[in-house]
Amino acid sequence: MGFDRKQFEAANVTGAFGPRRVHLAALDAELCRRPGLLCGLVERDGLRVLRVMLEGAALRAVEVDCRGKPGGWVFTCADTGKPLGAVDDPAAVADRVIDVLADRVAR
């Protein structure tokens, strides 16, 4: 069975994965453009979170969650719940994640 582009384009990705996973995928795509970063989805307590690390500092990772709030979806640090930014600006959130990583590596 071959790849069917029309079927792929017509797929309801948000319906299949839900908005949370779609937002995490968008942030993952933005972070993958940044040199020196490694990232991917991992499971924590039954939920997928985005684990982000600097090359050479894998033990100082940041795990990013995505939560629905009354004002809309936001990215948060999975361990602290601290907000990182709104899902509509993944580039700014990627910058913030890099800042958090730099702070953890400097400790």
PDB file of N, CA and C in Angstrom:
ATOM      1  N   MET A   1       0.845  -1.170   0.000  1.00  0.00           N
ATOM      2  CA  MET A   1       0.000   0.000   0.000  1.00  0.00           C
ATOM      3  C   MET A   1       0.889   1.231   0.000  1.00  0.00           C
ATOM      4  N   GLY A   2       0.645   2.148  -0.926  1.00  0.00           N
ATOM      5  CA  GLY A   2       1.463   3.337  -1.063  1.00  0.00           C
ATOM      6  C   GLY A   2       0.959   4.500  -0.230  1.00  0.00           C
ATOM      7  N   PHE A   3       1.745   5.545  -0.223  1.00  0.00           N
ATOM      8  CA  PHE A   3       1.405   6.769   0.489  1.00  0.00           C
ATOM      9  C   PHE A   3       0.366   7.537  -0.302  1.00  0.00           C
ATOM     10  N   ASP A   4      -0.729   7.902   0.316  1.00  0.00           N
ATOM     11  CA  ASP A   4      -1.811   8.639  -0.334  1.00  0.00           C
ATOM     12  C   ASP A   4      -1.821  10.068   0.195  1.00  0.00           C
ATOM     13  N   ARG A   5      -1.227  10.990  -0.572  1.00  0.00           N
ATOM     14  CA  ARG A   5      -1.116  12.378  -0.127  1.00  0.00           C
ATOM     15  C   ARG A   5      -2.482  13.006   0.121  1.00  0.00           C
ATOM     16  N   LYS A   6      -3.465  12.762  -0.748  1.00  0.00           N
ATOM     17  CA  LYS A   6      -4.794  13.354  -0.554  1.00  0.00           C
ATOM     18  C   LYS A   6      -5.404  12.899   0.770  1.00  0.00           C
ATOM     19  N   GLN A   7      -5.269  11.622   1.055  1.00  0.00           N
ATOM     20  CA  GLN A   7      -5.814  11.107   2.306  1.00  0.00           C
ATOM     21  C   GLN A   7      -5.072  11.712   3.492  1.00  0.00           C
ATOM     22  N   PHE A   8      -3.759  11.848   3.372  1.00  0.00           N
ATOM     23  CA  PHE A   8      -2.965  12.447   4.443  1.00  0.00           C
ATOM     24  C   PHE A   8      -3.388  13.890   4.686  1.00  0.00           C
ATOM     25  N   GLU A   9      -3.539  14.671   3.610  1.00  0.00           N
ATOM     26  CA  GLU A   9      -3.909  16.074   3.742  1.00  0.00           C
ATOM     27  C   GLU A   9      -5.315  16.239   4.293  1.00  0.00           C
ATOM     28  N   ALA A  10      -6.189  15.281   4.015  1.00  0.00           N
ATOM     29  CA  ALA A  10      -7.566  15.356   4.496  1.00  0.00           C
ATOM     30  C   ALA A  10      -7.722  14.824   5.920  1.00  0.00           C
ATOM     31  N   ALA A  11      -6.676  14.224   6.457  1.00  0.00           N
ATOM     32  CA  ALA A  11      -6.761  13.629   7.798  1.00  0.00           C
ATOM     33  C   ALA A  11      -7.021  14.706   8.842  1.00  0.00           C
ATOM     34  N   ASN A  12      -7.798  14.355   9.809  1.00  0.00           N
ATOM     35  CA  ASN A  12      -8.101  15.259  10.908  1.00  0.00           C
ATOM     36  C   ASN A  12      -7.083  15.014  12.020  1.00  0.00           C
ATOM     37  N   VAL A  13      -5.929  15.651  11.912  1.00  0.00           N
ATOM     38  CA  VAL A  13      -4.847  15.426  12.877  1.00  0.00           C
ATOM     39  C   VAL A  13      -5.262  15.878  14.272  1.00  0.00           C
ATOM     40  N   THR A  14      -5.909  17.032  14.364  1.00  0.00           N
ATOM     41  CA  THR A  14      -6.339  17.511  15.668  1.00  0.00           C
ATOM     42  C   THR A  14      -7.337  16.549  16.285  1.00  0.00           C
ATOM     43  N   GLY A  15      -8.246  16.032  15.473  1.00  0.00           N
ATOM     44  CA  GLY A  15      -9.218  15.072  15.985  1.00  0.00           C
ATOM     45  C   GLY A  15      -8.577  13.770  16.410  1.00  0.00           C
ATOM     46  N   ALA A  16      -7.553  13.355  15.683  1.00  0.00           N
ATOM     47  CA  ALA A  16      -6.889  12.090  15.993  1.00  0.00           C
ATOM     48  C   ALA A  16      -6.017  12.185  17.240  1.00  0.00           C
ATOM     49  N   PHE A  17      -5.328  13.285  17.409  1.00  0.00           N
ATOM     50  CA  PHE A  17      -4.382  13.416  18.508  1.00  0.00           C
ATOM     51  C   PHE A  17      -4.837  14.378  19.593  1.00  0.00           C
ATOM     52  N   GLY A  18      -5.745  15.268  19.287  1.00  0.00           N
ATOM     53  CA  GLY A  18      -6.194  16.281  20.231  1.00  0.00           C
ATOM     54  C   GLY A  18      -5.330  17.519  20.147  1.00  0.00           C
ATOM     55  N   PRO A  19      -5.863  18.652  20.593  1.00  0.00           N
ATOM     56  CA  PRO A  19      -5.130  19.917  20.474  1.00  0.00           C
ATOM     57  C   PRO A  19      -3.825  19.933  21.263  1.00  0.00           C
ATOM     58  N   ARG A  20      -3.794  19.270  22.401  1.00  0.00           N
ATOM     59  CA  ARG A  20      -2.580  19.257  23.224  1.00  0.00           C
ATOM     60  C   ARG A  20      -1.392  18.695  22.457  1.00  0.00           C
ATOM     61  N   ARG A  21      -1.578  17.536  21.836  1.00  0.00           N
ATOM     62  CA  ARG A  21      -0.492  16.903  21.072  1.00  0.00           C
ATOM     63  C   ARG A  21      -0.117  17.736  19.853  1.00  0.00           C
ATOM     64  N   VAL A  22      -1.099  18.368  19.220  1.00  0.00           N
ATOM     65  CA  VAL A  22      -0.806  19.210  18.053  1.00  0.00           C
ATOM     66  C   VAL A  22       0.057  20.396  18.473  1.00  0.00           C
ATOM     67  N   HIS A  23      -0.263  21.022  19.615  1.00  0.00           N
ATOM     68  CA  HIS A  23       0.543  22.153  20.101  1.00  0.00           C
ATOM     69  C   HIS A  23       1.960  21.708  20.460  1.00  0.00           C
ATOM     70  N   LEU A  24       2.085  20.549  21.112  1.00  0.00           N
ATOM     71  CA  LEU A  24       3.420  20.032  21.436  1.00  0.00           C
ATOM     72  C   LEU A  24       4.220  19.736  20.173  1.00  0.00           C
ATOM     73  N   ALA A  25       3.549  19.226  19.139  1.00  0.00           N
ATOM     74  CA  ALA A  25       4.233  18.955  17.867  1.00  0.00           C
ATOM     75  C   ALA A  25       4.710  20.248  17.218  1.00  0.00           C
ATOM     76  N   ALA A  26       3.916  21.308  17.317  1.00  0.00           N
ATOM     77  CA  ALA A  26       4.317  22.602  16.749  1.00  0.00           C
ATOM     78  C   ALA A  26       5.545  23.150  17.473  1.00  0.00           C
ATOM     79  N   LEU A  27       5.575  23.025  18.790  1.00  0.00           N
ATOM     80  CA  LEU A  27       6.745  23.483  19.544  1.00  0.00           C
ATOM     81  C   LEU A  27       7.959  22.617  19.229  1.00  0.00           C
ATOM     82  N   ASP A  28       7.751  21.319  19.108  1.00  0.00           N
ATOM     83  CA  ASP A  28       8.830  20.403  18.734  1.00  0.00           C
ATOM     84  C   ASP A  28       9.434  20.817  17.395  1.00  0.00           C
ATOM     85  N   ALA A  29       8.583  21.142  16.426  1.00  0.00           N
ATOM     86  CA  ALA A  29       9.072  21.560  15.106  1.00  0.00           C
ATOM     87  C   ALA A  29       9.896  22.841  15.210  1.00  0.00           C
ATOM     88  N   GLU A  30       9.446  23.771  16.031  1.00  0.00           N
ATOM     89  CA  GLU A  30      10.193  25.026  16.213  1.00  0.00           C
ATOM     90  C   GLU A  30      11.539  24.763  16.883  1.00  0.00           C
ATOM     91  N   LEU A  31      11.560  23.927  17.905  1.00  0.00           N
ATOM     92  CA  LEU A  31      12.808  23.634  18.608  1.00  0.00           C
ATOM     93  C   LEU A  31      13.791  22.862  17.736  1.00  0.00           C
ATOM     94  N   CYS A  32      13.282  22.027  16.837  1.00  0.00           N
ATOM     95  CA  CYS A  32      14.159  21.255  15.946  1.00  0.00           C
ATOM     96  C   CYS A  32      14.936  22.154  14.990  1.00  0.00           C
ATOM     97  N   ARG A  33      14.461  23.361  14.783  1.00  0.00           N
ATOM     98  CA  ARG A  33      15.170  24.326  13.920  1.00  0.00           C
ATOM     99  C   ARG A  33      16.360  24.964  14.627  1.00  0.00           C
ATOM    100  N   ARG A  34      16.415  24.821  15.929  1.00  0.00           N
ATOM    101  CA  ARG A  34      17.459  25.471  16.723  1.00  0.00           C
ATOM    102  C   ARG A  34      18.676  24.557  16.839  1.00  0.00           C
ATOM    103  N   PRO A  35      19.861  25.065  16.491  1.00  0.00           N
ATOM    104  CA  PRO A  35      21.060  24.220  16.591  1.00  0.00           C
ATOM    105  C   PRO A  35      21.400  23.914  18.050  1.00  0.00           C
ATOM    106  N   GLY A  36      21.909  22.706  18.259  1.00  0.00           N
ATOM    107  CA  GLY A  36      22.373  22.315  19.578  1.00  0.00           C
ATOM    108  C   GLY A  36      21.301  21.799  20.519  1.00  0.00           C
ATOM    109  N   LEU A  37      20.068  21.670  20.027  1.00  0.00           N
ATOM    110  CA  LEU A  37      18.985  21.165  20.867  1.00  0.00           C
ATOM    111  C   LEU A  37      18.570  19.773  20.437  1.00  0.00           C
ATOM    112  N   LEU A  38      18.169  18.981  21.388  1.00  0.00           N
ATOM    113  CA  LEU A  38      17.602  17.657  21.140  1.00  0.00           C
ATOM    114  C   LEU A  38      16.239  17.633  21.810  1.00  0.00           C
ATOM    115  N   CYS A  39      15.237  17.066  21.153  1.00  0.00           N
ATOM    116  CA  CYS A  39      13.923  17.017  21.778  1.00  0.00           C
ATOM    117  C   CYS A  39      13.087  15.880  21.215  1.00  0.00           C
ATOM    118  N   GLY A  40      12.094  15.500  21.990  1.00  0.00           N
ATOM    119  CA  GLY A  40      11.174  14.457  21.570  1.00  0.00           C
ATOM    120  C   GLY A  40      10.120  14.219  22.637  1.00  0.00           C
ATOM    121  N   LEU A  41       9.029  13.599  22.238  1.00  0.00           N
ATOM    122  CA  LEU A  41       7.944  13.302  23.166  1.00  0.00           C
ATOM    123  C   LEU A  41       8.298  12.104  24.040  1.00  0.00           C
ATOM    124  N   VAL A  42       8.026  12.226  25.324  1.00  0.00           N
ATOM    125  CA  VAL A  42       8.191  11.134  26.280  1.00  0.00           C
ATOM    126  C   VAL A  42       6.913  11.053  27.116  1.00  0.00           C
ATOM    127  N   GLU A  43       6.709   9.926  27.767  1.00  0.00           N
ATOM    128  CA  GLU A  43       5.513   9.770  28.591  1.00  0.00           C
ATOM    129  C   GLU A  43       5.866   9.930  30.059  1.00  0.00           C
ATOM    130  N   ARG A  44       5.096  10.773  30.732  1.00  0.00           N
ATOM    131  CA  ARG A  44       5.250  11.002  32.168  1.00  0.00           C
ATOM    132  C   ARG A  44       3.867  10.944  32.803  1.00  0.00           C
ATOM    133  N   ASP A  45       3.692  10.057  33.744  1.00  0.00           N
ATOM    134  CA  ASP A  45       2.413   9.918  34.459  1.00  0.00           C
ATOM    135  C   ASP A  45       1.233   9.770  33.505  1.00  0.00           C
ATOM    136  N   GLY A  46       1.445   9.029  32.425  1.00  0.00           N
ATOM    137  CA  GLY A  46       0.375   8.758  31.474  1.00  0.00           C
ATOM    138  C   GLY A  46       0.140   9.832  30.436  1.00  0.00           C
ATOM    139  N   LEU A  47       0.885  10.926  30.489  1.00  0.00           N
ATOM    140  CA  LEU A  47       0.749  12.013  29.514  1.00  0.00           C
ATOM    141  C   LEU A  47       2.044  12.182  28.738  1.00  0.00           C
ATOM    142  N   ARG A  48       1.909  12.580  27.502  1.00  0.00           N
ATOM    143  CA  ARG A  48       3.095  12.896  26.704  1.00  0.00           C
ATOM    144  C   ARG A  48       3.523  14.324  26.998  1.00  0.00           C
ATOM    145  N   VAL A  49       4.817  14.508  27.188  1.00  0.00           N
ATOM    146  CA  VAL A  49       5.420  15.828  27.343  1.00  0.00           C
ATOM    147  C   VAL A  49       6.604  15.909  26.387  1.00  0.00           C
ATOM    148  N   LEU A  50       7.015  17.111  26.086  1.00  0.00           N
ATOM    149  CA  LEU A  50       8.144  17.322  25.187  1.00  0.00           C
ATOM    150  C   LEU A  50       9.407  17.496  26.028  1.00  0.00           C
ATOM    151  N   ARG A  51      10.348  16.587  25.888  1.00  0.00           N
ATOM    152  CA  ARG A  51      11.625  16.646  26.618  1.00  0.00           C
ATOM    153  C   ARG A  51      12.636  17.361  25.731  1.00  0.00           C
ATOM    154  N   VAL A  52      13.247  18.415  26.268  1.00  0.00           N
ATOM    155  CA  VAL A  52      14.181  19.248  25.511  1.00  0.00           C
ATOM    156  C   VAL A  52      15.505  19.295  26.261  1.00  0.00           C
ATOM    157  N   MET A  53      16.612  19.088  25.524  1.00  0.00           N
ATOM    158  CA  MET A  53      17.943  19.090  26.128  1.00  0.00           C
ATOM    159  C   MET A  53      18.926  19.823  25.222  1.00  0.00           C
ATOM    160  N   LEU A  54      19.962  20.334  25.824  1.00  0.00           N
ATOM    161  CA  LEU A  54      21.096  20.845  25.065  1.00  0.00           C
ATOM    162  C   LEU A  54      22.032  19.680  24.792  1.00  0.00           C
ATOM    163  N   GLU A  55      22.639  19.661  23.625  1.00  0.00           N
ATOM    164  CA  GLU A  55      23.636  18.623  23.340  1.00  0.00           C
ATOM    165  C   GLU A  55      24.712  18.671  24.417  1.00  0.00           C
ATOM    166  N   GLY A  56      25.069  17.518  24.946  1.00  0.00           N
ATOM    167  CA  GLY A  56      26.104  17.446  25.962  1.00  0.00           C
ATOM    168  C   GLY A  56      25.617  17.712  27.374  1.00  0.00           C
ATOM    169  N   ALA A  57      24.330  17.988  27.540  1.00  0.00           N
ATOM    170  CA  ALA A  57      23.792  18.255  28.880  1.00  0.00           C
ATOM    171  C   ALA A  57      22.438  17.565  29.048  1.00  0.00           C
ATOM    172  N   ALA A  58      22.380  16.298  28.689  1.00  0.00           N
ATOM    173  CA  ALA A  58      21.109  15.562  28.683  1.00  0.00           C
ATOM    174  C   ALA A  58      20.485  15.428  30.068  1.00  0.00           C
ATOM    175  N   LEU A  59      21.292  15.479  31.108  1.00  0.00           N
ATOM    176  CA  LEU A  59      20.746  15.336  32.454  1.00  0.00           C
ATOM    177  C   LEU A  59      20.080  16.610  32.959  1.00  0.00           C
ATOM    178  N   ARG A  60      20.216  17.683  32.246  1.00  0.00           N
ATOM    179  CA  ARG A  60      19.619  18.969  32.640  1.00  0.00           C
ATOM    180  C   ARG A  60      18.474  19.337  31.703  1.00  0.00           C
ATOM    181  N   ALA A  61      17.615  18.405  31.405  1.00  0.00           N
ATOM    182  CA  ALA A  61      16.531  18.608  30.444  1.00  0.00           C
ATOM    183  C   ALA A  61      15.381  19.417  31.047  1.00  0.00           C
ATOM    184  N   VAL A  62      14.588  19.982  30.147  1.00  0.00           N
ATOM    185  CA  VAL A  62      13.326  20.627  30.497  1.00  0.00           C
ATOM    186  C   VAL A  62      12.227  19.814  29.837  1.00  0.00           C
ATOM    187  N   GLU A  63      11.206  19.474  30.596  1.00  0.00           N
ATOM    188  CA  GLU A  63      10.054  18.789  30.022  1.00  0.00           C
ATOM    189  C   GLU A  63       8.902  19.779  29.970  1.00  0.00           C
ATOM    190  N   VAL A  64       8.359  19.935  28.767  1.00  0.00           N
ATOM    191  CA  VAL A  64       7.324  20.934  28.510  1.00  0.00           C
ATOM    192  C   VAL A  64       5.978  20.244  28.370  1.00  0.00           C
ATOM    193  N   ASP A  65       5.002  20.766  29.088  1.00  0.00           N
ATOM    194  CA  ASP A  65       3.628  20.290  29.016  1.00  0.00           C
ATOM    195  C   ASP A  65       2.799  21.352  28.293  1.00  0.00           C
ATOM    196  N   CYS A  66       1.595  20.995  27.927  1.00  0.00           N
ATOM    197  CA  CYS A  66       0.668  21.934  27.305  1.00  0.00           C
ATOM    198  C   CYS A  66      -0.663  21.766  28.020  1.00  0.00           C
ATOM    199  N   ARG A  67      -1.165  22.861  28.566  1.00  0.00           N
ATOM    200  CA  ARG A  67      -2.377  22.787  29.383  1.00  0.00           C
ATOM    201  C   ARG A  67      -3.438  23.764  28.884  1.00  0.00           C
ATOM    202  N   GLY A  68      -4.666  23.295  28.909  1.00  0.00           N
ATOM    203  CA  GLY A  68      -5.789  24.168  28.584  1.00  0.00           C
ATOM    204  C   GLY A  68      -6.147  24.999  29.804  1.00  0.00           C
ATOM    205  N   LYS A  69      -6.128  26.301  29.647  1.00  0.00           N
ATOM    206  CA  LYS A  69      -6.478  27.231  30.723  1.00  0.00           C
ATOM    207  C   LYS A  69      -7.715  28.013  30.277  1.00  0.00           C
ATOM    208  N   PRO A  70      -8.377  28.730  31.183  1.00  0.00           N
ATOM    209  CA  PRO A  70      -9.554  29.508  30.774  1.00  0.00           C
ATOM    210  C   PRO A  70      -9.269  30.494  29.637  1.00  0.00           C
ATOM    211  N   GLY A  71      -8.060  31.033  29.572  1.00  0.00           N
ATOM    212  CA  GLY A  71      -7.704  31.976  28.514  1.00  0.00           C
ATOM    213  C   GLY A  71      -7.174  31.324  27.251  1.00  0.00           C
ATOM    214  N   GLY A  72      -7.060  30.008  27.235  1.00  0.00           N
ATOM    215  CA  GLY A  72      -6.531  29.284  26.076  1.00  0.00           C
ATOM    216  C   GLY A  72      -5.423  28.331  26.491  1.00  0.00           C
ATOM    217  N   TRP A  73      -4.847  27.676  25.507  1.00  0.00           N
ATOM    218  CA  TRP A  73      -3.779  26.698  25.754  1.00  0.00           C
ATOM    219  C   TRP A  73      -2.457  27.411  26.002  1.00  0.00           C
ATOM    220  N   VAL A  74      -1.694  26.906  26.984  1.00  0.00           N
ATOM    221  CA  VAL A  74      -0.369  27.458  27.287  1.00  0.00           C
ATOM    222  C   VAL A  74       0.627  26.323  27.478  1.00  0.00           C
ATOM    223  N   PHE A  75       1.884  26.612  27.146  1.00  0.00           N
ATOM    224  CA  PHE A  75       2.978  25.693  27.436  1.00  0.00           C
ATOM    225  C   PHE A  75       3.460  25.974  28.852  1.00  0.00           C
ATOM    226  N   THR A  76       3.790  24.909  29.583  1.00  0.00           N
ATOM    227  CA  THR A  76       4.284  25.045  30.950  1.00  0.00           C
ATOM    228  C   THR A  76       5.476  24.117  31.158  1.00  0.00           C
ATOM    229  N   CYS A  77       6.278  24.412  32.169  1.00  0.00           N
ATOM    230  CA  CYS A  77       7.299  23.456  32.604  1.00  0.00           C
ATOM    231  C   CYS A  77       6.545  22.318  33.276  1.00  0.00           C
ATOM    232  N   ALA A  78       6.779  21.100  32.829  1.00  0.00           N
ATOM    233  CA  ALA A  78       6.024  19.958  33.346  1.00  0.00           C
ATOM    234  C   ALA A  78       6.283  19.722  34.829  1.00  0.00           C
ATOM    235  N   ASP A  79       7.494  20.008  35.300  1.00  0.00           N
ATOM    236  CA  ASP A  79       7.817  19.717  36.698  1.00  0.00           C
ATOM    237  C   ASP A  79       7.309  20.770  37.671  1.00  0.00           C
ATOM    238  N   THR A  80       7.219  22.015  37.239  1.00  0.00           N
ATOM    239  CA  THR A  80       6.820  23.096  38.142  1.00  0.00           C
ATOM    240  C   THR A  80       5.452  23.682  37.827  1.00  0.00           C
ATOM    241  N   GLY A  81       4.973  23.490  36.597  1.00  0.00           N
ATOM    242  CA  GLY A  81       3.720  24.114  36.175  1.00  0.00           C
ATOM    243  C   GLY A  81       3.889  25.572  35.788  1.00  0.00           C
ATOM    244  N   LYS A  82       5.128  26.071  35.842  1.00  0.00           N
ATOM    245  CA  LYS A  82       5.388  27.476  35.514  1.00  0.00           C
ATOM    246  C   LYS A  82       5.087  27.732  34.039  1.00  0.00           C
ATOM    247  N   PRO A  83       4.286  28.770  33.737  1.00  0.00           N
ATOM    248  CA  PRO A  83       3.953  29.066  32.336  1.00  0.00           C
ATOM    249  C   PRO A  83       5.184  29.483  31.527  1.00  0.00           C
ATOM    250  N   LEU A  84       5.242  28.985  30.295  1.00  0.00           N
ATOM    251  CA  LEU A  84       6.314  29.354  29.363  1.00  0.00           C
ATOM    252  C   LEU A  84       5.801  30.257  28.252  1.00  0.00           C
ATOM    253  N   GLY A  85       4.503  30.235  28.000  1.00  0.00           N
ATOM    254  CA  GLY A  85       3.931  31.093  26.973  1.00  0.00           C
ATOM    255  C   GLY A  85       2.759  30.437  26.272  1.00  0.00           C
ATOM    256  N   ALA A  86       2.055  31.253  25.519  1.00  0.00           N
ATOM    257  CA  ALA A  86       0.865  30.801  24.795  1.00  0.00           C
ATOM    258  C   ALA A  86       1.250  29.954  23.586  1.00  0.00           C
ATOM    259  N   VAL A  87       0.362  29.056  23.204  1.00  0.00           N
ATOM    260  CA  VAL A  87       0.641  28.149  22.091  1.00  0.00           C
ATOM    261  C   VAL A  87       0.671  28.863  20.746  1.00  0.00           C
ATOM    262  N   ASP A  88       0.136  30.078  20.675  1.00  0.00           N
ATOM    263  CA  ASP A  88       0.104  30.772  19.387  1.00  0.00           C
ATOM    264  C   ASP A  88       1.430  31.433  19.028  1.00  0.00           C
ATOM    265  N   ASP A  89       2.445  31.315  19.891  1.00  0.00           N
ATOM    266  CA  ASP A  89       3.765  31.878  19.591  1.00  0.00           C
ATOM    267  C   ASP A  89       4.868  30.878  19.957  1.00  0.00           C
ATOM    268  N   PRO A  90       4.960  29.766  19.196  1.00  0.00           N
ATOM    269  CA  PRO A  90       5.962  28.753  19.542  1.00  0.00           C
ATOM    270  C   PRO A  90       7.400  29.260  19.466  1.00  0.00           C
ATOM    271  N   ALA A  91       7.682  30.259  18.632  1.00  0.00           N
ATOM    272  CA  ALA A  91       9.049  30.791  18.544  1.00  0.00           C
ATOM    273  C   ALA A  91       9.448  31.456  19.864  1.00  0.00           C
ATOM    274  N   ALA A  92       8.553  32.241  20.448  1.00  0.00           N
ATOM    275  CA  ALA A  92       8.845  32.893  21.726  1.00  0.00           C
ATOM    276  C   ALA A  92       8.969  31.857  22.841  1.00  0.00           C
ATOM    277  N   VAL A  93       8.133  30.832  22.802  1.00  0.00           N
ATOM    278  CA  VAL A  93       8.209  29.776  23.814  1.00  0.00           C
ATOM    279  C   VAL A  93       9.524  29.010  23.673  1.00  0.00           C
ATOM    280  N   ALA A  94       9.955  28.767  22.440  1.00  0.00           N
ATOM    281  CA  ALA A  94      11.237  28.091  22.217  1.00  0.00           C
ATOM    282  C   ALA A  94      12.378  28.908  22.826  1.00  0.00           C
ATOM    283  N   ASP A  95      12.338  30.228  22.652  1.00  0.00           N
ATOM    284  CA  ASP A  95      13.353  31.091  23.267  1.00  0.00           C
ATOM    285  C   ASP A  95      13.330  30.954  24.790  1.00  0.00           C
ATOM    286  N   ARG A  96      12.128  30.906  25.353  1.00  0.00           N
ATOM    287  CA  ARG A  96      11.991  30.782  26.810  1.00  0.00           C
ATOM    288  C   ARG A  96      12.515  29.426  27.297  1.00  0.00           C
ATOM    289  N   VAL A  97      12.232  28.371  26.552  1.00  0.00           N
ATOM    290  CA  VAL A  97      12.731  27.036  26.910  1.00  0.00           C
ATOM    291  C   VAL A  97      14.258  27.039  26.912  1.00  0.00           C
ATOM    292  N   ILE A  98      14.860  27.686  25.926  1.00  0.00           N
ATOM    293  CA  ILE A  98      16.323  27.782  25.862  1.00  0.00           C
ATOM    294  C   ILE A  98      16.859  28.528  27.081  1.00  0.00           C
ATOM    295  N   ASP A  99      16.169  29.601  27.497  1.00  0.00           N
ATOM    296  CA  ASP A  99      16.581  30.330  28.705  1.00  0.00           C
ATOM    297  C   ASP A  99      16.526  29.429  29.942  1.00  0.00           C
ATOM    298  N   VAL A 100      15.450  28.651  30.067  1.00  0.00           N
ATOM    299  CA  VAL A 100      15.314  27.739  31.209  1.00  0.00           C
ATOM    300  C   VAL A 100      16.424  26.692  31.177  1.00  0.00           C
ATOM    301  N   LEU A 101      16.709  26.158  29.990  1.00  0.00           N
ATOM    302  CA  LEU A 101      17.795  25.176  29.852  1.00  0.00           C
ATOM    303  C   LEU A 101      19.133  25.782  30.253  1.00  0.00           C
ATOM    304  N   ALA A 102      19.411  26.978  29.781  1.00  0.00           N
ATOM    305  CA  ALA A 102      20.680  27.637  30.097  1.00  0.00           C
ATOM    306  C   ALA A 102      20.816  27.833  31.601  1.00  0.00           C
ATOM    307  N   ASP A 103      19.716  28.179  32.264  1.00  0.00           N
ATOM    308  CA  ASP A 103      19.739  28.361  33.712  1.00  0.00           C
ATOM    309  C   ASP A 103      20.025  27.038  34.416  1.00  0.00           C
ATOM    310  N   ARG A 104      19.453  25.946  33.937  1.00  0.00           N
ATOM    311  CA  ARG A 104      19.673  24.638  34.570  1.00  0.00           C
ATOM    312  C   ARG A 104      21.096  24.136  34.346  1.00  0.00           C
ATOM    313  N   VAL A 105      21.658  24.419  33.178  1.00  0.00           N
ATOM    314  CA  VAL A 105      23.024  23.984  32.878  1.00  0.00           C
ATOM    315  C   VAL A 105      24.022  24.784  33.701  1.00  0.00           C
ATOM    316  N   ALA A 106      23.731  26.067  33.960  1.00  0.00           N
ATOM    317  CA  ALA A 106      24.643  26.931  34.704  1.00  0.00           C
ATOM    318  C   ALA A 106      24.717  26.561  36.181  1.00  0.00           C
ATOM    319  N   ARG A 107      23.720  25.848  36.688  1.00  0.00           N
ATOM    320  CA  ARG A 107      23.711  25.493  38.127  1.00  0.00           C
ATOM    321  C   ARG A 107      24.763  24.494  38.478  1.00  0.00           C
TER     322      ARG A 107
END
